[in-house]
Amino acid sequence: MDRPGYGHSTFHRGRTFESCAYDVSELADHLGVDRFAVIGTSSGGPNAASCARFLGARLLGCAIVSGPAPPEADVATDEMLHSNRVYARLTRTAPRLFALAFQAGMRQSVRRPERTLEWMIRNLPPCDAAVIQRPEISNALRTDFARPVAPTAARAAVQDVQLEQRPWRFRLRDIAIPVHVWHGDLDRNVVVGNGIYQANEIPHATLHQVRGVGHWFFYTHFAEILASVIESRPPV
């Protein structure tokens, strides 16, 4: 499913992590699915955590992959990519200007997907660049970049970062179900301290700190991540 503002989902000005959890619940009701598991990667991580907090009775499993921790974690950003630090600062100081620039960048990706891919390979850490250079992944990314961009996608991206930087309005320690926290130790988009903090705060969390991989390891380790969620299912 697309979070509000992305793809075909309507932008929601008052979105919270809790409201996203109930969006997931309503979608499951619509599909006739009583119980289900969730996996959230990168900015999807806090949304997966909110599902674990507010929909715990319905979840068969939960995995947070390369996800940011709440602001009270105060994780050091020294190892974060400089561009990510700039983006985070701009969402606080000039969110409208940043949204306009971000939207223009996404439109450029639609017109020239190959150039966007080349830019990513040049600017990402070597471990991540190696992942997106795999033919099946680079081909999928070219296809994805060439798709029409939702007119509110940039606003939604800014909103994601703003929600992550503000109090989440729920506590990780109140999550009652088992959660698998996956994080690469070379992640420079969301540094590994975020995963360690979340695993320490969630009472029944298992930390999978994967050595030698970065932010994009989701694509190379998906089978293991999925297996962890399936194996953690409680009896039905």
Protein backbone atom coordinates (compact mmCIF):
# COMPACT_ATOMS: atom_id res chain seq x y z
CA MET A 1 0.00 0.00 0.00
CA ASP A 2 1.09 3.61 -0.59
CA ARG A 3 1.34 5.89 2.42
CA PRO A 4 -0.83 9.06 2.19
CA GLY A 5 0.42 11.39 -0.54
CA TYR A 6 2.30 8.74 -2.51
CA GLY A 7 1.13 6.80 -5.56
CA HIS A 8 -2.66 6.83 -5.66
CA SER A 9 -3.14 7.63 -1.95
CA THR A 10 -4.56 11.04 -1.06
CA PHE A 11 -2.32 13.42 0.88
CA HIS A 12 -3.44 13.72 4.51
CA ARG A 13 -2.41 17.01 6.12
CA GLY A 14 -3.10 15.74 9.65
CA ARG A 15 -1.42 12.36 9.22
CA THR A 16 0.10 10.71 12.28
CA PHE A 17 1.72 7.32 12.76
CA GLU A 18 -1.39 6.22 14.64
CA SER A 19 -3.69 7.30 11.78
CA CYS A 20 -1.54 5.30 9.36
CA ALA A 21 -1.97 2.21 11.53
CA TYR A 22 -5.73 2.57 11.30
CA ASP A 23 -5.46 3.06 7.53
CA VAL A 24 -3.77 -0.34 7.44
CA SER A 25 -6.55 -1.79 9.61
CA GLU A 26 -9.26 -0.41 7.31
CA LEU A 27 -7.49 -1.78 4.25
CA ALA A 28 -7.29 -5.21 5.86
CA ASP A 29 -11.02 -5.01 6.67
CA HIS A 30 -11.75 -4.06 3.06
CA LEU A 31 -9.74 -7.03 1.81
CA GLY A 32 -11.37 -9.40 4.30
CA VAL A 33 -8.08 -10.14 6.03
CA ASP A 34 -8.47 -10.69 9.77
CA ARG A 35 -4.83 -11.18 10.78
CA PHE A 36 -1.68 -10.19 8.95
CA ALA A 37 2.01 -9.28 9.32
CA VAL A 38 3.72 -5.98 8.53
CA ILE A 39 7.19 -5.13 7.28
CA GLY A 40 8.27 -1.49 7.13
CA THR A 41 11.55 -0.39 5.58
CA SER A 42 13.26 3.01 5.97
CA SER A 43 10.51 5.63 6.58
CA GLY A 44 8.05 2.74 6.60
CA GLY A 45 9.68 1.57 9.84
CA PRO A 46 7.85 3.95 12.21
CA ASN A 47 4.58 3.00 10.51
CA ALA A 48 5.29 -0.70 11.09
CA ALA A 49 6.07 0.14 14.73
CA SER A 50 2.76 2.00 15.04
CA CYS A 51 0.92 -1.04 13.66
CA ALA A 52 2.65 -3.17 16.31
CA ARG A 53 1.54 -0.68 18.99
CA PHE A 54 -2.07 -0.05 17.92
CA LEU A 55 -2.99 -3.20 15.97
CA GLY A 56 -1.05 -5.75 17.99
CA ALA A 57 -4.03 -8.08 18.44
CA ARG A 58 -4.32 -8.45 14.66
CA LEU A 59 -0.65 -8.85 13.80
CA LEU A 60 0.98 -12.19 13.13
CA GLY A 61 4.41 -10.57 13.00
CA CYS A 62 6.29 -7.31 12.53
CA ALA A 63 9.68 -6.32 11.12
CA ILE A 64 11.28 -2.87 11.18
CA VAL A 65 14.00 -2.66 8.52
CA SER A 66 16.52 0.22 8.39
CA GLY A 67 13.99 2.41 10.17
CA PRO A 68 14.64 5.66 12.06
CA ALA A 69 14.25 5.82 15.83
CA PRO A 70 12.09 8.45 17.56
CA PRO A 71 13.74 11.81 18.32
CA GLU A 72 14.27 11.05 22.01
CA ALA A 73 16.82 8.42 20.94
CA ASP A 74 19.16 11.31 20.04
CA VAL A 75 21.20 9.08 17.73
CA ALA A 76 24.45 10.65 16.53
CA THR A 77 24.40 11.58 12.84
CA ASP A 78 28.15 11.91 12.27
CA GLU A 79 28.19 8.83 10.02
CA MET A 80 25.09 9.84 8.07
CA LEU A 81 25.44 10.95 4.46
CA HIS A 82 25.92 14.73 4.23
CA SER A 83 23.01 14.99 1.78
CA ASN A 84 20.67 13.31 4.28
CA ARG A 85 21.71 15.72 7.02
CA VAL A 86 20.97 18.62 4.65
CA TYR A 87 17.56 17.18 3.74
CA ALA A 88 16.64 16.76 7.40
CA ARG A 89 17.66 20.36 8.13
CA LEU A 90 15.69 21.74 5.18
CA THR A 91 12.50 19.96 6.23
CA ARG A 92 12.72 21.97 9.46
CA THR A 93 13.85 25.33 8.09
CA ALA A 94 12.40 25.53 4.57
CA PRO A 95 9.91 22.68 4.03
CA ARG A 96 8.01 24.29 1.15
CA LEU A 97 11.17 25.17 -0.75
CA PHE A 98 12.56 21.68 -0.22
CA ALA A 99 9.30 20.09 -1.40
CA LEU A 100 9.42 22.13 -4.63
CA ALA A 101 13.03 21.12 -5.28
CA PHE A 102 12.31 17.49 -4.44
CA GLN A 103 9.29 17.39 -6.76
CA ALA A 104 11.38 18.87 -9.58
CA GLY A 105 14.01 16.20 -8.99
CA MET A 106 11.42 13.42 -9.21
CA ARG A 107 10.05 14.85 -12.49
CA GLN A 108 13.61 14.85 -13.83
CA SER A 109 13.87 11.17 -12.86
CA VAL A 110 10.76 10.41 -14.91
CA ARG A 111 12.34 12.04 -17.96
CA ARG A 112 15.82 10.60 -17.46
CA PRO A 113 15.71 7.46 -15.30
CA GLU A 114 19.13 6.29 -16.47
CA ARG A 115 20.77 9.52 -15.33
CA THR A 116 19.10 9.25 -11.92
CA LEU A 117 20.42 5.72 -11.54
CA GLU A 118 23.93 6.84 -12.47
CA TRP A 119 23.74 9.66 -9.92
CA MET A 120 22.72 7.21 -7.20
CA ILE A 121 25.59 4.85 -8.01
CA ARG A 122 28.07 7.74 -7.77
CA ASN A 123 26.73 9.11 -4.49
CA LEU A 124 25.71 6.07 -2.46
CA PRO A 125 28.17 4.16 -0.26
CA PRO A 126 29.86 1.29 -2.16
CA CYS A 127 27.83 -1.42 -0.38
CA ASP A 128 24.56 0.21 -1.49
CA ALA A 129 25.79 1.06 -4.99
CA ALA A 130 26.68 -2.63 -5.45
CA VAL A 131 23.08 -3.60 -4.64
CA ILE A 132 21.44 -1.26 -7.15
CA GLN A 133 23.91 -2.28 -9.85
CA ARG A 134 22.53 -5.81 -9.79
CA PRO A 135 20.67 -6.16 -13.13
CA GLU A 136 17.32 -7.21 -11.68
CA ILE A 137 17.34 -4.27 -9.26
CA SER A 138 18.65 -1.62 -11.65
CA ASN A 139 16.05 -2.65 -14.25
CA ALA A 140 13.27 -2.42 -11.65
CA LEU A 141 14.49 1.01 -10.54
CA ARG A 142 14.54 2.34 -14.11
CA THR A 143 10.95 1.19 -14.53
CA ASP A 144 9.97 2.74 -11.20
CA PHE A 145 11.67 6.08 -11.95
CA ALA A 146 9.86 6.32 -15.29
CA ARG A 147 6.39 6.07 -13.73
CA PRO A 148 4.34 9.28 -13.39
CA VAL A 149 4.95 11.00 -10.05
CA ALA A 150 2.06 11.80 -7.71
CA PRO A 151 1.70 15.60 -7.46
CA THR A 152 1.84 15.37 -3.65
CA ALA A 153 4.78 12.92 -3.40
CA ALA A 154 7.30 15.59 -2.40
CA ARG A 155 4.97 16.98 0.28
CA ALA A 156 4.51 13.44 1.56
CA ALA A 157 8.29 12.90 1.69
CA VAL A 158 8.75 16.11 3.67
CA GLN A 159 5.91 15.08 5.96
CA ASP A 160 7.57 11.70 6.56
CA VAL A 161 10.75 13.35 7.82
CA GLN A 162 8.81 15.87 9.92
CA LEU A 163 6.83 13.08 11.59
CA GLU A 164 10.06 11.23 12.35
CA GLN A 165 11.64 14.33 13.90
CA ARG A 166 8.67 15.15 16.17
CA PRO A 167 7.40 13.09 19.13
CA TRP A 168 5.72 10.00 17.70
CA ARG A 169 2.80 10.13 20.17
CA PHE A 170 3.33 6.52 21.20
CA ARG A 171 6.07 4.74 23.12
CA LEU A 172 8.09 1.87 21.74
CA ARG A 173 8.09 0.30 25.19
CA ASP A 174 4.30 -0.07 24.98
CA ILE A 175 4.55 -2.48 22.03
CA ALA A 176 3.44 -5.83 23.41
CA ILE A 177 4.12 -8.18 20.49
CA PRO A 178 7.45 -9.62 19.24
CA VAL A 179 9.20 -7.37 16.71
CA HIS A 180 12.22 -8.11 14.54
CA VAL A 181 14.51 -5.12 14.05
CA TRP A 182 16.82 -5.42 11.04
CA HIS A 183 19.64 -2.96 10.34
CA GLY A 184 22.85 -2.90 8.34
CA ASP A 185 25.94 -1.85 10.26
CA LEU A 186 27.17 0.26 7.30
CA ASP A 187 23.89 2.13 6.81
CA ARG A 188 24.62 5.81 6.18
CA ASN A 189 21.04 6.84 5.38
CA VAL A 190 19.67 5.74 8.76
CA VAL A 191 22.66 4.87 10.94
CA VAL A 192 22.64 1.59 12.84
CA GLY A 193 22.21 3.32 16.22
CA ASN A 194 18.56 3.81 15.29
CA GLY A 195 17.97 0.07 15.06
CA ILE A 196 19.90 -0.65 18.25
CA TYR A 197 17.82 1.91 20.16
CA GLN A 198 14.53 0.49 18.92
CA ALA A 199 15.54 -3.07 19.75
CA ASN A 200 16.46 -1.98 23.28
CA GLU A 201 13.20 -0.09 23.80
CA ILE A 202 10.72 -2.62 22.40
CA PRO A 203 10.22 -5.23 25.15
CA HIS A 204 10.06 -8.32 22.91
CA ALA A 205 12.39 -7.23 20.12
CA THR A 206 15.07 -9.24 18.35
CA LEU A 207 17.90 -7.26 16.80
CA HIS A 208 19.39 -8.49 13.52
CA GLN A 209 22.48 -6.32 12.98
CA VAL A 210 23.71 -7.39 9.55
CA ARG A 211 27.42 -6.86 8.98
CA GLY A 212 28.87 -5.38 5.82
CA VAL A 213 25.61 -4.02 4.38
CA GLY A 214 23.99 -0.61 4.13
CA HIS A 215 20.53 0.88 3.70
CA TRP A 216 19.58 -1.12 0.61
CA PHE A 217 20.17 -4.59 2.04
CA PHE A 218 16.40 -5.11 2.16
CA TYR A 219 16.61 -6.19 -1.47
CA THR A 220 19.32 -8.78 -0.89
CA HIS A 221 18.02 -10.16 2.43
CA PHE A 222 14.28 -10.07 1.88
CA ALA A 223 13.85 -13.84 2.20
CA GLU A 224 15.50 -13.79 5.65
CA ILE A 225 13.46 -10.79 6.79
CA LEU A 226 10.23 -12.42 5.63
CA ALA A 227 11.17 -15.70 7.29
CA SER A 228 11.73 -13.94 10.63
CA VAL A 229 8.21 -12.49 10.53
CA ILE A 230 6.61 -15.79 9.53
CA GLU A 231 8.49 -17.77 12.17
CA SER A 232 7.48 -15.35 14.92
CA ARG A 233 3.76 -15.89 14.32
CA PRO A 234 1.80 -16.75 17.48
CA PRO A 235 -0.56 -19.75 17.41
CA VAL A 236 -3.85 -19.04 15.64
